[in-house]
Each structure stands twice: as structure tokens, then as C-alpha cells.
Amino acid sequence: MVIVDLDGTLVECNSFTEFVKFVFRRHPEVRLFLIMTVMRRKLRLISHHEAKERIISRTSGLVTEKDLDDFTSFLHSRINRRVLDIVRSGSRAILASAAPELYACPFAAKAGISVISASRPHEAENRGERKLADVIRQGAVFDRNTVVITDHHDDLPLLKANKEGLNYIVKPSRKSLGILLREGIRFTLLD
């Protein structure tokens, strides 16, 4: 089994930032709303989660199937091929991400991943302990055959649960690398 994060791991970008830019270009009717929401976030007047909730709530009724197909095709063009090869080498894969299920689900389908753990509207963000609980709910078993791939210390609960398996860390920040080393996580670095 392979459990893989999305942003900075399976794709070499922040998918939500790219989604906001995509919607901005495609749907001029929400440009002012997007600008104001992003400004509130940058000024730290609202949390990252609140900004994401507001944007998804406002745009989910606007984006069409064609929009989602085009956007997920763009994300597919940003796939880290080395990570994708590891994902495809496993018997089963779970995409485990804090990204909104609005586009995480169609992206996963396009990438050949049938099990998805993503952020749902009006719920806490799918990260940390919540992400771990969700992948377990979806049938993840942590043993010597399990692989976890991520780029960030937010996935520390997954990495700790996978103490018998193999952990790959993709281009981590200095902060994430320091935290993983301090926590004694065994891992292999990936480019």
C-alpha cells in the first residue's frame, strides 16, 4: 500500500494556489471576491483554512466539469514522475491530502488512484491526526509493506504510524527536515 500526499509531493506545486489562479482566469465574476479573500489571508485577518473554505464555498457552484477536467489536466502536467512510479508500484494507493475534494477526487481518478482522503466542505482540514484517522477509516494498514510519501511535517502522524514501512520525503523544507530528524522518523529523501 502507498499513501501519498498531493501538494509538493505527487504534484510539484501547491494545488490550491493554482486552483485560485485558474478560477480567477476562468471566472471573472468572482475575481473581486478572490482578491479580497486572498488579501484578508495575506494580512492574517483570516486563517488559511477559513480562506480555503470561503473560496471553495463560493466557487464550487461555478466550476464546470470542463473546468475541473482542464484544471486536473494542468495538475497532471505537474506530476512528479518519480513519485508517480512509486505510487503505481504499490498494490493499492491512497491520495491523502488537505486539498479540497472538489478537485482532489477527479485528479486522483485521472492519476489512477481510486481511494482519496481529502478536505471536505464545512469540516476541519484533512491534515495531521485527522488525515491519519481518515486513511485508517479507508482501510490503510501500516506494516512493513506500507509506503508513505510526503514533503511536509504536517504528515508526522502518518510517518509515525508507518514505523515498520518505508517513508519517502520529497524536497522538504529545512523546518520539516529538522522536525522529522528531531522526531526520529526513518525516511529516504526523494528529488
Protein backbone atom coordinates (compact mmCIF):
# COMPACT_ATOMS: atom_id res chain seq x y z
CA MET A 1 0.00 0.00 0.00
CA VAL A 2 1.18 3.50 -0.87
CA ILE A 3 -0.17 6.60 0.90
CA VAL A 4 0.79 9.75 -0.97
CA ASP A 5 0.35 13.45 -0.26
CA LEU A 6 -0.61 15.79 -3.12
CA ASP A 7 0.94 19.26 -2.82
CA GLY A 8 4.71 19.34 -3.15
CA THR A 9 4.74 15.56 -3.32
CA LEU A 10 2.71 13.97 -6.12
CA VAL A 11 2.48 17.35 -7.83
CA GLU A 12 5.30 19.87 -7.85
CA CYS A 13 3.13 22.83 -6.84
CA ASN A 14 0.55 24.00 -4.33
CA SER A 15 -2.67 22.82 -5.95
CA PHE A 16 -4.91 25.24 -4.07
CA THR A 17 -2.87 28.28 -5.11
CA GLU A 18 -3.05 27.02 -8.69
CA PHE A 19 -6.80 26.43 -8.35
CA VAL A 20 -7.37 30.02 -7.20
CA LYS A 21 -5.35 31.33 -10.16
CA PHE A 22 -7.26 29.03 -12.52
CA VAL A 23 -10.67 30.17 -11.25
CA PHE A 24 -9.51 33.80 -11.37
CA ARG A 25 -8.70 33.41 -15.09
CA ARG A 26 -11.82 31.39 -15.96
CA HIS A 27 -14.49 33.17 -13.93
CA PRO A 28 -14.22 36.97 -13.94
CA GLU A 29 -17.40 37.24 -11.87
CA VAL A 30 -15.51 36.11 -8.75
CA ARG A 31 -12.26 37.99 -9.26
CA LEU A 32 -13.01 40.71 -6.71
CA PHE A 33 -14.11 38.11 -4.16
CA LEU A 34 -10.90 36.13 -4.73
CA ILE A 35 -8.72 39.22 -4.43
CA MET A 36 -10.42 40.28 -1.20
CA THR A 37 -10.22 36.80 0.32
CA VAL A 38 -6.57 36.37 -0.59
CA MET A 39 -5.79 39.84 0.80
CA ARG A 40 -7.55 39.00 4.07
CA ARG A 41 -5.47 35.85 4.30
CA LYS A 42 -2.19 37.62 3.49
CA LEU A 43 -2.98 40.20 6.18
CA ARG A 44 -3.70 37.29 8.57
CA LEU A 45 -7.23 38.51 9.16
CA ILE A 46 -8.49 35.00 8.39
CA SER A 47 -6.84 31.60 8.68
CA HIS A 48 -5.65 29.52 5.75
CA HIS A 49 -8.49 27.10 6.42
CA GLU A 50 -11.08 29.89 6.52
CA ALA A 51 -9.80 31.33 3.22
CA LYS A 52 -9.93 27.88 1.63
CA GLU A 53 -13.46 27.29 2.95
CA ARG A 54 -14.71 30.63 1.64
CA ILE A 55 -13.15 30.15 -1.78
CA ILE A 56 -14.39 26.59 -2.24
CA SER A 57 -17.86 27.50 -1.00
CA ARG A 58 -18.10 30.42 -3.43
CA THR A 59 -16.57 28.70 -6.46
CA SER A 60 -17.78 25.10 -6.26
CA GLY A 61 -21.07 26.02 -7.94
CA LEU A 62 -19.26 27.92 -10.70
CA VAL A 63 -16.68 25.44 -11.86
CA THR A 64 -17.91 23.13 -14.57
CA GLU A 65 -16.89 19.57 -15.40
CA LYS A 66 -14.82 21.07 -18.24
CA ASP A 67 -13.12 23.42 -15.76
CA LEU A 68 -12.28 20.51 -13.47
CA ASP A 69 -11.04 18.44 -16.39
CA ASP A 70 -8.81 21.29 -17.58
CA PHE A 71 -7.53 22.04 -14.10
CA THR A 72 -6.78 18.40 -13.26
CA SER A 73 -5.01 18.07 -16.63
CA PHE A 74 -2.85 21.03 -15.61
CA LEU A 75 -2.09 19.33 -12.26
CA HIS A 76 -1.33 16.11 -14.11
CA SER A 77 1.28 18.01 -16.15
CA ARG A 78 2.96 18.95 -12.84
CA ILE A 79 3.20 15.36 -11.53
CA ASN A 80 6.50 14.26 -10.02
CA ARG A 81 7.14 11.20 -12.23
CA ARG A 82 9.41 9.56 -9.69
CA VAL A 83 6.67 9.72 -7.05
CA LEU A 84 4.07 8.50 -9.55
CA ASP A 85 6.25 5.47 -10.35
CA ILE A 86 6.37 4.57 -6.63
CA VAL A 87 2.60 5.04 -6.33
CA ARG A 88 1.99 2.77 -9.31
CA SER A 89 4.38 0.12 -7.97
CA GLY A 90 2.12 -0.50 -4.97
CA SER A 91 -0.82 -2.87 -4.89
CA ARG A 92 -3.12 -0.09 -3.64
CA ALA A 93 -2.76 3.67 -3.36
CA ILE A 94 -4.45 6.33 -1.25
CA LEU A 95 -4.18 10.02 -2.11
CA ALA A 96 -4.12 11.69 1.32
CA SER A 97 -4.29 15.46 1.05
CA ALA A 98 -5.52 18.64 2.70
CA ALA A 99 -6.59 19.77 -0.78
CA PRO A 100 -10.34 20.13 -1.35
CA GLU A 101 -12.10 17.03 -2.60
CA LEU A 102 -13.70 19.24 -5.29
CA TYR A 103 -10.63 18.74 -7.46
CA ALA A 104 -8.64 16.13 -5.49
CA CYS A 105 -11.11 13.39 -6.43
CA PRO A 106 -11.12 13.99 -10.21
CA PHE A 107 -7.34 14.48 -10.14
CA ALA A 108 -6.84 11.17 -8.32
CA ALA A 109 -9.08 9.38 -10.82
CA LYS A 110 -7.03 10.84 -13.68
CA ALA A 111 -3.84 9.64 -11.95
CA GLY A 112 -5.28 6.14 -11.48
CA ILE A 113 -5.78 6.40 -7.71
CA SER A 114 -9.17 5.18 -6.55
CA VAL A 115 -9.00 5.90 -2.80
CA ILE A 116 -8.99 9.55 -1.75
CA SER A 117 -8.68 11.25 1.62
CA ALA A 118 -9.21 15.00 1.08
CA SER A 119 -10.71 18.04 2.80
CA ARG A 120 -14.50 18.10 2.75
CA PRO A 121 -16.62 21.25 2.81
CA HIS A 122 -17.54 22.58 6.28
CA GLU A 123 -15.21 20.16 8.07
CA ALA A 124 -11.78 20.55 9.61
CA GLU A 125 -8.90 20.46 7.18
CA ASN A 126 -7.71 16.96 6.32
CA ARG A 127 -4.25 17.11 7.90
CA GLY A 128 -2.29 15.70 10.80
CA GLU A 129 -4.18 13.30 13.07
CA ARG A 130 -7.38 13.82 11.07
CA LYS A 131 -5.67 12.64 7.87
CA LEU A 132 -4.27 9.59 9.69
CA ALA A 133 -7.73 8.69 11.05
CA ASP A 134 -9.28 9.11 7.60
CA VAL A 135 -6.78 6.86 5.81
CA ILE A 136 -7.26 4.20 8.51
CA ARG A 137 -11.03 4.54 8.07
CA GLN A 138 -10.46 3.93 4.37
CA GLY A 139 -8.60 0.70 5.03
CA ALA A 140 -4.96 1.71 5.37
CA VAL A 141 -2.90 -0.80 7.30
CA PHE A 142 0.56 0.19 8.50
CA ASP A 143 3.01 -2.69 8.18
CA ARG A 144 6.38 -3.40 6.57
CA ASN A 145 4.79 -3.24 3.09
CA THR A 146 3.36 0.27 3.55
CA VAL A 147 4.91 3.30 1.88
CA VAL A 148 4.17 6.91 2.91
CA ILE A 149 5.29 9.73 0.61
CA THR A 150 5.08 13.37 1.69
CA ASP A 151 7.02 16.63 1.70
CA HIS A 152 5.90 18.10 4.99
CA HIS A 153 5.99 17.62 8.76
CA ASP A 154 2.18 18.08 8.82
CA ASP A 155 2.16 14.37 7.95
CA LEU A 156 4.11 13.42 11.06
CA PRO A 157 1.19 11.25 12.33
CA LEU A 158 1.27 9.21 9.09
CA LEU A 159 5.04 8.88 9.23
CA LYS A 160 4.98 7.80 12.88
CA ALA A 161 2.24 5.25 12.17
CA ASN A 162 4.40 3.84 9.38
CA LYS A 163 7.33 2.94 11.62
CA GLU A 164 7.64 -0.54 10.07
CA GLY A 165 7.23 0.61 6.47
CA LEU A 166 9.12 2.90 4.12
CA ASN A 167 8.82 6.68 4.28
CA TYR A 168 9.86 8.94 1.42
CA ILE A 169 10.25 12.70 1.90
CA VAL A 170 10.13 14.84 -1.24
CA LYS A 171 12.12 18.09 -1.25
CA PRO A 172 11.36 19.01 2.38
CA SER A 173 11.83 22.49 3.79
CA ARG A 174 14.59 22.94 6.37
CA LYS A 175 11.93 23.23 9.06
CA SER A 176 10.23 19.96 8.04
CA LEU A 177 13.55 18.16 7.77
CA GLY A 178 14.57 19.36 11.23
CA ILE A 179 11.29 18.25 12.79
CA LEU A 180 11.46 14.80 11.16
CA LEU A 181 15.04 14.31 12.34
CA ARG A 182 14.18 15.51 15.86
CA GLU A 183 11.23 13.08 15.97
CA GLY A 184 13.45 10.17 14.89
CA ILE A 185 11.48 9.41 11.72
CA ARG A 186 13.22 6.97 9.39
CA PHE A 187 12.97 8.15 5.78
CA THR A 188 14.59 8.34 2.38
CA LEU A 189 14.86 11.66 0.56
CA LEU A 190 13.48 11.95 -2.97
CA ASP A 191 14.17 14.68 -5.53
